[in-house]
Amino acid sequence: MNTQKALITAAITGAFVLGSLSLSGTVAAEEKEKCYGVAKAGQNDCQTANSSCAGTSTMDNQGDAFVLVPNGLCDKLVGGSTESAS
């Protein structure tokens, strides 16, 4: 009987842990910034002045194309800027 109760307790605890990990992933996703000038051709995250939607930038390091990166990382990337070049 004690083994069965321990298994149920472990399962419930595991469900709560997984749920809290999912919530922290959501918070982390919100702590991102747009980083312009570092996206490879076709790897941008959203439309630009010269392309219609995500994944349509036409050249590497296009000044108005951005990718989302964790806050503070963009300034550390060569050519990265938090402001669009257009």
C-alpha atoms as a PDB file:
ATOM      1  CA  MET A   1       0.000   0.000   0.000  1.00  0.00           C
ATOM      2  CA  ASN A   2       2.817   2.449   0.856  1.00  0.00           C
ATOM      3  CA  THR A   3       4.509   1.787  -2.507  1.00  0.00           C
ATOM      4  CA  GLN A   4       1.335   2.599  -4.398  1.00  0.00           C
ATOM      5  CA  LYS A   5       0.854   5.805  -2.398  1.00  0.00           C
ATOM      6  CA  ALA A   6       4.495   6.804  -3.048  1.00  0.00           C
ATOM      7  CA  LEU A   7       4.067   6.254  -6.796  1.00  0.00           C
ATOM      8  CA  ILE A   8       0.935   8.386  -6.884  1.00  0.00           C
ATOM      9  CA  THR A   9       2.652  11.121  -4.889  1.00  0.00           C
ATOM     10  CA  ALA A  10       5.661  11.018  -7.241  1.00  0.00           C
ATOM     11  CA  ALA A  11       3.408  11.246 -10.304  1.00  0.00           C
ATOM     12  CA  ILE A  12       1.526  14.245  -8.924  1.00  0.00           C
ATOM     13  CA  THR A  13       4.778  15.970  -7.929  1.00  0.00           C
ATOM     14  CA  GLY A  14       6.204  15.324 -11.403  1.00  0.00           C
ATOM     15  CA  ALA A  15       3.135  16.898 -13.011  1.00  0.00           C
ATOM     16  CA  PHE A  16       3.563  20.045 -10.925  1.00  0.00           C
ATOM     17  CA  VAL A  17       7.268  20.261 -11.754  1.00  0.00           C
ATOM     18  CA  LEU A  18       6.610  19.919 -15.488  1.00  0.00           C
ATOM     19  CA  GLY A  19       3.901  22.548 -15.262  1.00  0.00           C
ATOM     20  CA  SER A  20       6.211  25.008 -13.541  1.00  0.00           C
ATOM     21  CA  LEU A  21       8.943  24.378 -16.128  1.00  0.00           C
ATOM     22  CA  SER A  22       6.464  25.199 -18.873  1.00  0.00           C
ATOM     23  CA  LEU A  23       5.624  28.480 -17.173  1.00  0.00           C
ATOM     24  CA  SER A  24       9.289  29.443 -16.830  1.00  0.00           C
ATOM     25  CA  GLY A  25       9.776  28.752 -20.540  1.00  0.00           C
ATOM     26  CA  THR A  26       7.003  31.240 -21.292  1.00  0.00           C
ATOM     27  CA  VAL A  27       8.637  33.927 -19.166  1.00  0.00           C
ATOM     28  CA  ALA A  28      12.008  33.327 -20.807  1.00  0.00           C
ATOM     29  CA  ALA A  29      10.423  33.664 -24.247  1.00  0.00           C
ATOM     30  CA  GLU A  30       9.222  37.148 -23.323  1.00  0.00           C
ATOM     31  CA  GLU A  31      12.739  38.283 -22.364  1.00  0.00           C
ATOM     32  CA  LYS A  32      13.967  38.629 -25.934  1.00  0.00           C
ATOM     33  CA  GLU A  33      14.911  41.562 -28.130  1.00  0.00           C
ATOM     34  CA  LYS A  34      15.059  42.198 -31.857  1.00  0.00           C
ATOM     35  CA  CYS A  35      18.613  42.045 -33.174  1.00  0.00           C
ATOM     36  CA  TYR A  36      19.066  43.636 -36.596  1.00  0.00           C
ATOM     37  CA  GLY A  37      21.899  43.019 -39.027  1.00  0.00           C
ATOM     38  CA  VAL A  38      22.880  39.504 -37.967  1.00  0.00           C
ATOM     39  CA  ALA A  39      20.303  37.281 -39.707  1.00  0.00           C
ATOM     40  CA  LYS A  40      21.432  35.011 -42.511  1.00  0.00           C
ATOM     41  CA  ALA A  41      19.507  35.214 -45.796  1.00  0.00           C
ATOM     42  CA  GLY A  42      16.123  33.579 -45.370  1.00  0.00           C
ATOM     43  CA  GLN A  43      16.477  33.285 -41.577  1.00  0.00           C
ATOM     44  CA  ASN A  44      14.867  36.534 -40.387  1.00  0.00           C
ATOM     45  CA  ASP A  45      12.034  36.386 -37.844  1.00  0.00           C
ATOM     46  CA  CYS A  46       9.593  38.895 -39.336  1.00  0.00           C
ATOM     47  CA  GLN A  47       8.869  41.054 -42.359  1.00  0.00           C
ATOM     48  CA  THR A  48      11.266  43.821 -43.356  1.00  0.00           C
ATOM     49  CA  ALA A  49      11.029  46.857 -45.609  1.00  0.00           C
ATOM     50  CA  ASN A  50      12.372  44.704 -48.440  1.00  0.00           C
ATOM     51  CA  SER A  51      10.739  41.328 -47.752  1.00  0.00           C
ATOM     52  CA  SER A  52       7.167  40.334 -47.012  1.00  0.00           C
ATOM     53  CA  CYS A  53       7.433  37.906 -44.095  1.00  0.00           C
ATOM     54  CA  ALA A  54       9.643  35.772 -41.871  1.00  0.00           C
ATOM     55  CA  GLY A  55      12.292  33.782 -43.703  1.00  0.00           C
ATOM     56  CA  THR A  56      12.324  35.998 -46.784  1.00  0.00           C
ATOM     57  CA  SER A  57      15.325  38.277 -46.285  1.00  0.00           C
ATOM     58  CA  THR A  58      17.418  38.258 -49.437  1.00  0.00           C
ATOM     59  CA  MET A  59      20.951  38.630 -48.090  1.00  0.00           C
ATOM     60  CA  ASP A  60      23.081  37.904 -45.039  1.00  0.00           C
ATOM     61  CA  ASN A  61      23.228  40.650 -42.397  1.00  0.00           C
ATOM     62  CA  GLN A  62      20.441  42.695 -44.004  1.00  0.00           C
ATOM     63  CA  GLY A  63      20.169  45.874 -41.926  1.00  0.00           C
ATOM     64  CA  ASP A  64      16.381  45.816 -41.589  1.00  0.00           C
ATOM     65  CA  ALA A  65      16.047  42.056 -40.929  1.00  0.00           C
ATOM     66  CA  PHE A  66      16.069  40.845 -37.348  1.00  0.00           C
ATOM     67  CA  VAL A  67      16.165  37.693 -35.279  1.00  0.00           C
ATOM     68  CA  LEU A  68      14.952  37.427 -31.704  1.00  0.00           C
ATOM     69  CA  VAL A  69      17.762  36.873 -29.217  1.00  0.00           C
ATOM     70  CA  PRO A  70      17.926  36.879 -25.404  1.00  0.00           C
ATOM     71  CA  ASN A  71      18.083  40.387 -23.924  1.00  0.00           C
ATOM     72  CA  GLY A  72      21.621  41.781 -23.887  1.00  0.00           C
ATOM     73  CA  LEU A  73      23.035  39.359 -26.468  1.00  0.00           C
ATOM     74  CA  CYS A  74      22.590  41.577 -29.526  1.00  0.00           C
ATOM     75  CA  ASP A  75      25.148  44.135 -28.377  1.00  0.00           C
ATOM     76  CA  LYS A  76      27.721  41.327 -28.125  1.00  0.00           C
ATOM     77  CA  LEU A  77      27.217  40.107 -31.722  1.00  0.00           C
ATOM     78  CA  VAL A  78      29.414  41.528 -34.471  1.00  0.00           C
ATOM     79  CA  GLY A  79      27.197  43.781 -36.595  1.00  0.00           C
ATOM     80  CA  GLY A  80      24.245  43.414 -34.221  1.00  0.00           C
ATOM     81  CA  SER A  81      22.041  46.396 -33.427  1.00  0.00           C
ATOM     82  CA  THR A  82      18.770  46.803 -31.556  1.00  0.00           C
ATOM     83  CA  GLU A  83      17.755  49.447 -34.119  1.00  0.00           C
ATOM     84  CA  SER A  84      16.871  48.843 -37.771  1.00  0.00           C
ATOM     85  CA  ALA A  85      19.233  50.250 -40.387  1.00  0.00           C
ATOM     86  CA  SER A  86      16.319  51.364 -42.594  1.00  0.00           C
END
